[in-house]
Amino acid sequence: MGLQSFCLLIVMLSISFTRPAECLPKDCSEVTKSRTGLYRIDPDGKGAIKVFCDMKTDGGGWTVFQRRINDRKDFSRNWTEYKNGFGSLGRRTSFWLGNENLHRLTANRRVSLRVELEAWNHPHKTLTTTYKEFYVGDEASLYQITLSKGKGSAGDALRPHRSMPFSTKDRDNDKSQRNCAERYKGGWWYKSCFYCNLNGEYINREDIGKDPHHFGIVWRKKKLRKETSLKFSEMKLRPPM
C-alpha cells in the first residue's frame, strides 16, 4: 500500500468513528423529559450551557434564570459576574444565570417571561406576572431590556424599566445621579432608581424594619407595594404557548 492510499484509509477510518455532534434542546421547552431539574441546552449553536428547568408550572418548559430564596448568596456583584452568572443551579438555591446567556436565550426566538413572588406577610401564596415578549440585548447594548406589558396578580412593576441597560456597582448605566446598583446592592435594569429590584439585598423577616425604606427585594405593585422586602422571587423564560 502506498503512502497516499494509507493516508486516505486513516482519514476514512477517523470519519467513521467520529461521534456525531450532540443535538441539544434550545431551551427547556424542548426538553422531552417531564422531570424538573438540571439539563444542558444550546440556544444558538454556540455551545452548551447548564440550566435549571421547571417542568411543572403552567405546563412546564420554563428556563429559570433568577431565584432568590435566602441570604446565602450575595447579589451585589460586578459587571463580569452578572455577565457570566453566579450561584449554584438547583431547586433550593439562589442564582443568576448570566446576562450573556439571557441574550442567547432571547435573541433568536420569541420568549415570554414569568415572574413569581412571595411576600413575608403572605406566606405560601405565590403572586405572578407574565410578559408575553421579553428580550435582552447583547453586551454592546449593555444588555438592554425589551418587554411587553405584564399581566398577573403581582402587577406590572418591571415595564417602567423597559429599554434600560443593565447596571452593576462598577458599571453605572442608569439615569439617576447616584449609582443605583451600588446604593441598593444589586445588578438590575435600573432607571432612577427602580419600581422593582429583584436582585437587591436579601433581607430576612426578623431584619425587616431595621433597614432603610426601599432596600431589599422590591416589587412596587398591588399587594406587594408596601412590602419592605420579599421572601422569594423567581424569573423564567419560555416561548409563548
Protein backbone atom coordinates (compact mmCIF):
# COMPACT_ATOMS: atom_id res chain seq x y z
CA MET A 1 0.00 0.00 0.00
CA GLY A 2 1.36 3.40 -1.00
CA LEU A 3 1.65 6.33 1.36
CA GLN A 4 -1.20 8.19 -0.34
CA SER A 5 -3.56 5.20 -0.03
CA PHE A 6 -2.56 4.67 3.59
CA CYS A 7 -3.32 8.31 4.48
CA LEU A 8 -6.71 8.09 2.73
CA LEU A 9 -7.55 4.99 4.75
CA ILE A 10 -6.67 6.73 8.01
CA VAL A 11 -8.91 9.70 7.12
CA MET A 12 -11.83 7.41 6.24
CA LEU A 13 -11.46 5.46 9.47
CA SER A 14 -11.36 8.64 11.56
CA ILE A 15 -14.54 9.87 9.90
CA SER A 16 -16.26 6.54 10.51
CA PHE A 17 -15.51 6.58 14.23
CA THR A 18 -16.14 10.29 14.88
CA ARG A 19 -19.07 10.76 17.25
CA PRO A 20 -21.93 12.79 15.77
CA ALA A 21 -22.44 16.26 17.18
CA GLU A 22 -24.72 16.26 20.24
CA CYS A 23 -28.17 17.60 19.44
CA LEU A 24 -29.26 19.65 22.44
CA PRO A 25 -32.59 21.41 23.04
CA LYS A 26 -32.60 25.17 22.53
CA ASP A 27 -34.26 25.74 25.89
CA CYS A 28 -36.31 23.89 28.48
CA SER A 29 -39.43 23.94 26.31
CA GLU A 30 -37.70 21.43 24.01
CA VAL A 31 -36.66 19.07 26.82
CA THR A 32 -38.55 15.82 26.32
CA LYS A 33 -38.37 14.67 29.94
CA SER A 34 -41.00 15.72 32.47
CA ARG A 35 -38.69 15.91 35.49
CA THR A 36 -37.84 19.32 36.93
CA GLY A 37 -34.09 19.70 37.33
CA LEU A 38 -30.77 20.38 35.59
CA TYR A 39 -30.36 20.00 31.83
CA ARG A 40 -27.90 21.02 29.12
CA ILE A 41 -29.19 23.25 26.32
CA ASP A 42 -27.74 25.13 23.35
CA PRO A 43 -29.88 28.16 22.42
CA ASP A 44 -27.98 29.21 19.28
CA GLY A 45 -25.47 26.55 18.30
CA LYS A 46 -22.64 28.37 20.08
CA GLY A 47 -22.13 25.89 22.87
CA ALA A 48 -23.92 24.11 25.68
CA ILE A 49 -24.97 25.75 28.92
CA LYS A 50 -26.37 24.11 32.04
CA VAL A 51 -29.78 25.38 33.18
CA PHE A 52 -32.48 24.61 35.70
CA CYS A 53 -35.76 23.62 34.03
CA ASP A 54 -39.16 23.99 35.68
CA MET A 55 -41.18 21.24 34.02
CA LYS A 56 -44.29 21.56 36.23
CA THR A 57 -45.51 25.17 36.42
CA ASP A 58 -48.25 26.07 33.93
CA GLY A 59 -47.42 23.22 31.57
CA GLY A 60 -43.65 23.28 32.20
CA GLY A 61 -40.83 24.08 29.81
CA TRP A 62 -39.54 27.11 31.75
CA THR A 63 -35.84 28.01 31.77
CA VAL A 64 -35.21 29.56 35.19
CA PHE A 65 -32.64 32.37 35.15
CA GLN A 66 -33.11 34.03 38.54
CA ARG A 67 -34.09 32.88 42.01
CA ARG A 68 -33.88 34.48 45.47
CA ILE A 69 -34.64 32.14 48.32
CA ASN A 70 -32.30 33.10 51.17
CA ASP A 71 -29.38 35.35 52.09
CA ARG A 72 -26.64 32.79 51.40
CA LYS A 73 -25.72 34.28 48.00
CA ASP A 74 -24.58 37.90 47.68
CA PHE A 75 -26.15 39.62 44.64
CA SER A 76 -24.05 42.78 44.94
CA ARG A 77 -21.77 41.68 42.08
CA ASN A 78 -19.72 43.32 39.37
CA TRP A 79 -20.36 43.51 35.62
CA THR A 80 -18.39 40.39 34.73
CA GLU A 81 -20.12 38.28 37.37
CA TYR A 82 -23.56 39.34 36.16
CA LYS A 83 -22.46 38.74 32.58
CA ASN A 84 -21.33 35.17 33.25
CA GLY A 85 -23.76 34.27 36.02
CA PHE A 86 -23.23 33.12 39.61
CA GLY A 87 -24.71 30.83 42.24
CA SER A 88 -25.44 27.11 42.16
CA LEU A 89 -28.29 25.90 39.97
CA GLY A 90 -30.79 23.85 41.93
CA ARG A 91 -34.29 23.55 43.30
CA ARG A 92 -33.49 25.28 46.62
CA THR A 93 -30.72 27.71 45.69
CA SER A 94 -30.31 31.36 44.72
CA PHE A 95 -28.65 32.16 41.38
CA TRP A 96 -28.38 34.39 38.30
CA LEU A 97 -27.91 32.53 35.01
CA GLY A 98 -25.94 35.37 33.39
CA ASN A 99 -26.72 38.27 31.05
CA GLU A 100 -24.84 36.69 28.17
CA ASN A 101 -26.96 33.55 28.49
CA LEU A 102 -30.09 35.69 28.73
CA HIS A 103 -29.17 37.29 25.43
CA ARG A 104 -28.56 33.89 23.83
CA LEU A 105 -31.91 32.60 25.11
CA THR A 106 -33.90 35.56 23.78
CA ALA A 107 -32.02 36.61 20.63
CA ASN A 108 -33.25 34.08 18.09
CA ARG A 109 -36.75 33.24 19.19
CA ARG A 110 -39.74 34.91 20.78
CA VAL A 111 -39.98 34.20 24.51
CA SER A 112 -42.24 35.05 27.43
CA LEU A 113 -41.13 35.98 30.94
CA ARG A 114 -42.85 34.72 34.07
CA VAL A 115 -42.14 36.38 37.43
CA GLU A 116 -43.13 34.59 40.64
CA LEU A 117 -43.02 36.36 44.01
CA GLU A 118 -43.82 35.58 47.63
CA ALA A 119 -44.09 38.13 50.44
CA TRP A 120 -43.23 37.65 54.11
CA ASN A 121 -46.73 38.88 55.00
CA HIS A 122 -48.40 36.37 52.63
CA PRO A 123 -46.56 33.08 53.26
CA HIS A 124 -47.09 30.24 50.80
CA LYS A 125 -49.09 32.46 48.43
CA THR A 126 -47.33 32.98 45.10
CA LEU A 127 -48.14 36.08 43.08
CA THR A 128 -47.25 36.07 39.38
CA THR A 129 -46.90 38.35 36.38
CA THR A 130 -46.28 37.22 32.79
CA TYR A 131 -44.79 39.25 29.93
CA LYS A 132 -45.61 37.76 26.52
CA GLU A 133 -42.49 39.29 24.97
CA PHE A 134 -39.09 39.60 26.62
CA TYR A 135 -35.69 40.30 25.09
CA VAL A 136 -32.21 41.09 26.45
CA GLY A 137 -29.73 42.69 24.07
CA ASP A 138 -26.05 41.83 23.70
CA GLU A 139 -23.18 43.32 25.67
CA ALA A 140 -22.72 46.11 23.09
CA SER A 141 -26.25 47.29 24.04
CA LEU A 142 -25.33 46.92 27.74
CA TYR A 143 -27.84 44.06 27.92
CA GLN A 144 -30.74 46.42 27.30
CA ILE A 145 -34.16 45.03 28.24
CA THR A 146 -37.21 44.98 25.95
CA LEU A 147 -40.58 43.68 27.11
CA SER A 148 -44.32 43.90 26.59
CA LYS A 149 -46.93 44.85 29.16
CA GLY A 150 -47.14 42.45 32.09
CA LYS A 151 -50.33 40.84 33.35
CA GLY A 152 -50.99 38.94 36.54
CA SER A 153 -51.71 39.02 40.26
CA ALA A 154 -48.35 40.65 41.11
CA GLY A 155 -48.91 43.65 38.84
CA ASP A 156 -46.54 45.15 36.28
CA ALA A 157 -43.59 46.69 38.11
CA LEU A 158 -40.96 45.78 35.50
CA ARG A 159 -42.37 47.61 32.48
CA PRO A 160 -41.22 51.08 33.72
CA HIS A 161 -37.69 49.69 33.28
CA ARG A 162 -38.18 48.85 29.57
CA SER A 163 -35.42 49.99 27.22
CA MET A 164 -32.99 50.42 30.12
CA PRO A 165 -29.46 48.98 30.02
CA PHE A 166 -28.19 46.79 32.83
CA SER A 167 -26.22 48.38 35.68
CA THR A 168 -23.85 46.98 38.29
CA LYS A 169 -21.86 48.60 41.08
CA ASP A 170 -18.89 49.02 38.72
CA ARG A 171 -20.90 49.93 35.57
CA ASP A 172 -23.37 52.76 36.25
CA ASN A 173 -25.78 52.91 33.28
CA ASP A 174 -28.91 54.27 34.98
CA LYS A 175 -30.50 57.73 34.65
CA SER A 176 -30.03 58.69 38.27
CA GLN A 177 -27.29 60.99 39.55
CA ARG A 178 -26.47 58.29 42.09
CA ASN A 179 -25.23 54.78 41.32
CA CYS A 180 -28.41 52.77 41.91
CA ALA A 181 -26.66 49.39 41.78
CA GLU A 182 -24.11 50.44 44.37
CA ARG A 183 -26.66 52.08 46.68
CA TYR A 184 -29.23 49.27 46.53
CA LYS A 185 -26.72 46.40 46.45
CA GLY A 186 -27.69 44.59 43.27
CA GLY A 187 -27.42 44.43 39.49
CA TRP A 188 -30.53 45.38 37.52
CA TRP A 189 -32.07 47.39 34.69
CA TYR A 190 -32.21 50.42 36.96
CA LYS A 191 -33.80 53.67 35.84
CA SER A 192 -33.98 56.40 38.53
CA CYS A 193 -33.68 54.06 40.51
CA PHE A 194 -36.45 51.41 40.33
CA TYR A 195 -40.04 50.25 40.54
CA CYS A 196 -38.74 46.75 41.16
CA ASN A 197 -35.37 45.40 42.25
CA LEU A 198 -35.42 41.61 42.47
CA ASN A 199 -31.64 41.40 42.70
CA GLY A 200 -31.43 43.70 45.73
CA GLU A 201 -30.07 42.65 49.10
CA TYR A 202 -31.93 39.72 50.66
CA ILE A 203 -33.44 40.75 54.00
CA ASN A 204 -34.70 38.11 56.42
CA ARG A 205 -38.05 38.55 58.12
CA GLU A 206 -36.54 39.34 61.52
CA ASP A 207 -34.45 42.12 59.98
CA ILE A 208 -37.30 43.88 58.18
CA GLY A 209 -37.72 47.36 59.64
CA LYS A 210 -34.06 47.70 60.54
CA ASP A 211 -33.05 48.68 57.00
CA PRO A 212 -33.89 51.95 55.23
CA HIS A 213 -37.07 52.01 53.13
CA HIS A 214 -36.76 50.67 49.54
CA PHE A 215 -33.85 48.36 50.39
CA GLY A 216 -34.19 44.64 49.76
CA ILE A 217 -36.04 42.62 47.12
CA VAL A 218 -38.70 45.05 45.96
CA TRP A 219 -41.74 44.89 43.64
CA ARG A 220 -43.87 48.04 43.95
CA LYS A 221 -47.25 46.85 42.69
CA LYS A 222 -50.59 45.70 44.09
CA LYS A 223 -50.37 43.69 47.34
CA LEU A 224 -46.59 43.91 47.29
CA ARG A 225 -46.42 47.70 47.08
CA LYS A 226 -45.88 48.23 50.80
CA GLU A 227 -43.56 45.27 51.35
CA THR A 228 -40.11 46.34 52.54
CA SER A 229 -38.53 43.21 51.09
CA LEU A 230 -39.87 39.98 49.60
CA LYS A 231 -39.30 36.44 50.78
CA PHE A 232 -38.95 34.80 47.36
CA SER A 233 -38.56 35.67 43.69
CA GLU A 234 -38.07 33.61 40.54
CA MET A 235 -37.80 34.66 36.89
CA LYS A 236 -38.06 32.21 34.00
CA LEU A 237 -38.43 32.07 30.21
CA ARG A 238 -40.42 30.04 27.70
CA PRO A 239 -41.67 30.52 24.13
CA PRO A 240 -45.30 31.72 24.15
CA MET A 241 -47.85 28.92 24.16
